[in-house]
Amino acid sequence: MKPSTNRMINRIKSVYMFISKKGTVTTQDLVEEFGITPRTIQRDLNVLAYNDLVQSPSRGKWTTTQKKVKISS
């Protein structure tokens, strides 16, 4: 796997864990926490939403779904 792909996977996993821990977060919360652009966060959230791991109950807010997840290192 390419190093850039590995970084992306680790970042997406970190985003998911952050949302899971906090409950509901805004896109801006994620931008500030991870120090990356809003566009990059949006792409990460799109991956998580596509896989039914997060949902947006209202515009700009995100929470995890009830889907069971096994987190590996």
N, C-alpha and C. Protein backbone atom coordinates (compact mmCIF):
# COMPACT_ATOMS: atom_id res chain seq x y z
N MET A 1 0.84 -1.17 0.00
CA MET A 1 0.00 0.00 0.00
C MET A 1 0.89 1.24 0.00
N LYS A 2 0.48 2.25 -0.78
CA LYS A 2 1.25 3.48 -0.85
C LYS A 2 1.19 4.21 0.49
N PRO A 3 2.28 4.90 0.85
CA PRO A 3 2.28 5.65 2.12
C PRO A 3 1.14 6.66 2.21
N SER A 4 0.80 7.30 1.08
CA SER A 4 -0.28 8.29 1.11
C SER A 4 -1.62 7.63 1.40
N THR A 5 -1.83 6.42 0.88
CA THR A 5 -3.06 5.69 1.15
C THR A 5 -3.13 5.30 2.61
N ASN A 6 -2.01 4.85 3.15
CA ASN A 6 -1.96 4.47 4.56
C ASN A 6 -2.26 5.67 5.47
N ARG A 7 -1.71 6.84 5.13
CA ARG A 7 -1.99 8.06 5.91
C ARG A 7 -3.47 8.40 5.86
N MET A 8 -4.07 8.28 4.67
CA MET A 8 -5.48 8.60 4.52
C MET A 8 -6.34 7.66 5.36
N ILE A 9 -6.04 6.37 5.32
CA ILE A 9 -6.81 5.40 6.10
C ILE A 9 -6.68 5.69 7.59
N ASN A 10 -5.48 5.98 8.05
CA ASN A 10 -5.27 6.30 9.46
C ASN A 10 -6.01 7.57 9.86
N ARG A 11 -6.01 8.57 8.97
CA ARG A 11 -6.71 9.83 9.26
C ARG A 11 -8.22 9.60 9.34
N ILE A 12 -8.76 8.83 8.41
CA ILE A 12 -10.20 8.55 8.41
C ILE A 12 -10.58 7.79 9.67
N LYS A 13 -9.75 6.84 10.07
CA LYS A 13 -10.02 6.09 11.30
C LYS A 13 -9.99 7.03 12.50
N SER A 14 -9.04 7.96 12.53
CA SER A 14 -8.95 8.93 13.62
C SER A 14 -10.17 9.85 13.65
N VAL A 15 -10.63 10.26 12.48
CA VAL A 15 -11.83 11.09 12.40
C VAL A 15 -13.02 10.34 12.97
N TYR A 16 -13.17 9.08 12.57
CA TYR A 16 -14.28 8.26 13.08
C TYR A 16 -14.21 8.13 14.60
N MET A 17 -13.03 7.85 15.13
CA MET A 17 -12.87 7.69 16.57
C MET A 17 -13.17 8.99 17.31
N PHE A 18 -12.78 10.11 16.74
CA PHE A 18 -13.05 11.41 17.36
C PHE A 18 -14.56 11.66 17.42
N ILE A 19 -15.26 11.40 16.32
CA ILE A 19 -16.71 11.59 16.30
C ILE A 19 -17.37 10.65 17.29
N SER A 20 -16.92 9.41 17.32
CA SER A 20 -17.48 8.41 18.23
C SER A 20 -17.31 8.85 19.68
N LYS A 21 -16.16 9.39 20.01
CA LYS A 21 -15.87 9.82 21.38
C LYS A 21 -16.68 11.05 21.78
N LYS A 22 -16.81 12.01 20.86
CA LYS A 22 -17.47 13.28 21.16
C LYS A 22 -18.99 13.22 21.03
N GLY A 23 -19.51 12.28 20.26
CA GLY A 23 -20.96 12.19 20.05
C GLY A 23 -21.38 12.89 18.77
N THR A 24 -21.53 14.20 18.83
CA THR A 24 -21.87 14.99 17.65
C THR A 24 -20.83 16.10 17.53
N VAL A 25 -20.31 16.26 16.32
CA VAL A 25 -19.30 17.30 16.06
C VAL A 25 -19.68 18.05 14.79
N THR A 26 -19.11 19.23 14.65
CA THR A 26 -19.31 19.99 13.42
C THR A 26 -18.11 19.74 12.50
N THR A 27 -18.31 20.07 11.25
CA THR A 27 -17.22 19.96 10.29
C THR A 27 -16.06 20.85 10.75
N GLN A 28 -16.39 22.03 11.27
CA GLN A 28 -15.36 22.96 11.75
C GLN A 28 -14.59 22.38 12.94
N ASP A 29 -15.28 21.65 13.83
CA ASP A 29 -14.58 20.98 14.94
C ASP A 29 -13.50 20.05 14.40
N LEU A 30 -13.84 19.32 13.35
CA LEU A 30 -12.90 18.36 12.76
C LEU A 30 -11.73 19.08 12.08
N VAL A 31 -12.02 20.17 11.38
CA VAL A 31 -10.97 20.95 10.74
C VAL A 31 -9.97 21.43 11.80
N GLU A 32 -10.48 21.94 12.90
CA GLU A 32 -9.61 22.46 13.96
C GLU A 32 -8.85 21.34 14.67
N GLU A 33 -9.51 20.22 14.92
CA GLU A 33 -8.86 19.11 15.62
C GLU A 33 -7.73 18.49 14.81
N PHE A 34 -7.96 18.31 13.50
CA PHE A 34 -6.99 17.60 12.67
C PHE A 34 -6.08 18.51 11.86
N GLY A 35 -6.37 19.81 11.86
CA GLY A 35 -5.50 20.76 11.17
C GLY A 35 -5.40 20.54 9.68
N ILE A 36 -6.50 20.14 9.08
CA ILE A 36 -6.54 19.94 7.63
C ILE A 36 -7.68 20.76 7.03
N THR A 37 -7.72 20.85 5.73
CA THR A 37 -8.69 21.72 5.07
C THR A 37 -10.11 21.17 5.19
N PRO A 38 -11.09 22.07 5.12
CA PRO A 38 -12.49 21.62 5.12
C PRO A 38 -12.78 20.63 3.99
N ARG A 39 -12.16 20.82 2.84
CA ARG A 39 -12.38 19.92 1.70
C ARG A 39 -11.88 18.52 2.02
N THR A 40 -10.72 18.41 2.65
CA THR A 40 -10.18 17.10 3.01
C THR A 40 -11.08 16.42 4.03
N ILE A 41 -11.53 17.17 5.04
CA ILE A 41 -12.45 16.60 6.03
C ILE A 41 -13.72 16.13 5.34
N GLN A 42 -14.23 16.91 4.39
CA GLN A 42 -15.46 16.53 3.70
C GLN A 42 -15.26 15.22 2.92
N ARG A 43 -14.12 15.07 2.29
CA ARG A 43 -13.84 13.81 1.57
C ARG A 43 -13.80 12.64 2.54
N ASP A 44 -13.15 12.84 3.70
CA ASP A 44 -13.09 11.77 4.72
C ASP A 44 -14.49 11.43 5.22
N LEU A 45 -15.30 12.45 5.48
CA LEU A 45 -16.67 12.21 5.93
C LEU A 45 -17.50 11.50 4.86
N ASN A 46 -17.26 11.82 3.61
CA ASN A 46 -17.97 11.15 2.52
C ASN A 46 -17.64 9.65 2.50
N VAL A 47 -16.39 9.31 2.74
CA VAL A 47 -15.99 7.89 2.81
C VAL A 47 -16.71 7.21 3.97
N LEU A 48 -16.72 7.86 5.13
CA LEU A 48 -17.38 7.28 6.30
C LEU A 48 -18.89 7.17 6.08
N ALA A 49 -19.50 8.18 5.48
CA ALA A 49 -20.95 8.15 5.23
C ALA A 49 -21.29 7.08 4.19
N TYR A 50 -20.48 6.95 3.16
CA TYR A 50 -20.71 5.93 2.14
C TYR A 50 -20.72 4.53 2.76
N ASN A 51 -19.88 4.34 3.75
CA ASN A 51 -19.79 3.04 4.44
C ASN A 51 -20.74 2.95 5.63
N ASP A 52 -21.66 3.90 5.73
CA ASP A 52 -22.71 3.92 6.76
C ASP A 52 -22.14 3.94 8.18
N LEU A 53 -21.03 4.67 8.35
CA LEU A 53 -20.40 4.77 9.67
C LEU A 53 -20.73 6.09 10.36
N VAL A 54 -21.00 7.14 9.58
CA VAL A 54 -21.42 8.42 10.14
C VAL A 54 -22.63 8.92 9.37
N GLN A 55 -23.35 9.83 10.01
CA GLN A 55 -24.48 10.47 9.35
C GLN A 55 -24.52 11.93 9.77
N SER A 56 -25.24 12.72 8.98
CA SER A 56 -25.36 14.14 9.26
C SER A 56 -26.81 14.44 9.61
N PRO A 57 -27.11 14.55 10.92
CA PRO A 57 -28.49 14.83 11.32
C PRO A 57 -28.95 16.23 10.92
N SER A 58 -28.01 17.15 10.78
CA SER A 58 -28.31 18.49 10.28
C SER A 58 -27.06 19.02 9.58
N ARG A 59 -27.26 19.98 8.74
CA ARG A 59 -26.16 20.49 7.91
C ARG A 59 -24.95 20.89 8.75
N GLY A 60 -23.80 20.30 8.42
CA GLY A 60 -22.55 20.64 9.09
C GLY A 60 -22.30 19.92 10.40
N LYS A 61 -23.22 19.05 10.81
CA LYS A 61 -23.04 18.29 12.05
C LYS A 61 -22.97 16.80 11.71
N TRP A 62 -22.15 16.08 12.47
CA TRP A 62 -21.91 14.67 12.19
C TRP A 62 -21.97 13.84 13.45
N THR A 63 -22.48 12.64 13.32
CA THR A 63 -22.53 11.68 14.42
C THR A 63 -22.33 10.29 13.85
N THR A 64 -21.96 9.34 14.70
CA THR A 64 -21.77 7.97 14.23
C THR A 64 -23.13 7.29 14.12
N THR A 65 -23.18 6.25 13.31
CA THR A 65 -24.38 5.44 13.16
C THR A 65 -24.33 4.30 14.17
N GLN A 66 -25.35 3.47 14.15
CA GLN A 66 -25.40 2.32 15.06
C GLN A 66 -24.66 1.11 14.50
N LYS A 67 -24.09 1.24 13.31
CA LYS A 67 -23.37 0.12 12.69
C LYS A 67 -22.21 -0.30 13.58
N LYS A 68 -22.10 -1.61 13.79
CA LYS A 68 -21.01 -2.15 14.61
C LYS A 68 -19.71 -2.07 13.83
N VAL A 69 -18.66 -1.66 14.53
CA VAL A 69 -17.36 -1.47 13.91
C VAL A 69 -16.31 -2.19 14.74
N LYS A 70 -15.44 -2.91 14.05
CA LYS A 70 -14.28 -3.53 14.71
C LYS A 70 -13.06 -2.71 14.31
N ILE A 71 -12.46 -2.05 15.28
CA ILE A 71 -11.30 -1.20 15.03
C ILE A 71 -10.04 -2.02 15.21
N SER A 72 -9.22 -2.04 14.15
CA SER A 72 -7.94 -2.76 14.25
C SER A 72 -6.82 -1.72 14.27
N SER A 73 -5.68 -2.11 14.75
CA SER A 73 -4.53 -1.18 14.85
C SER A 73 -3.88 -0.97 13.52
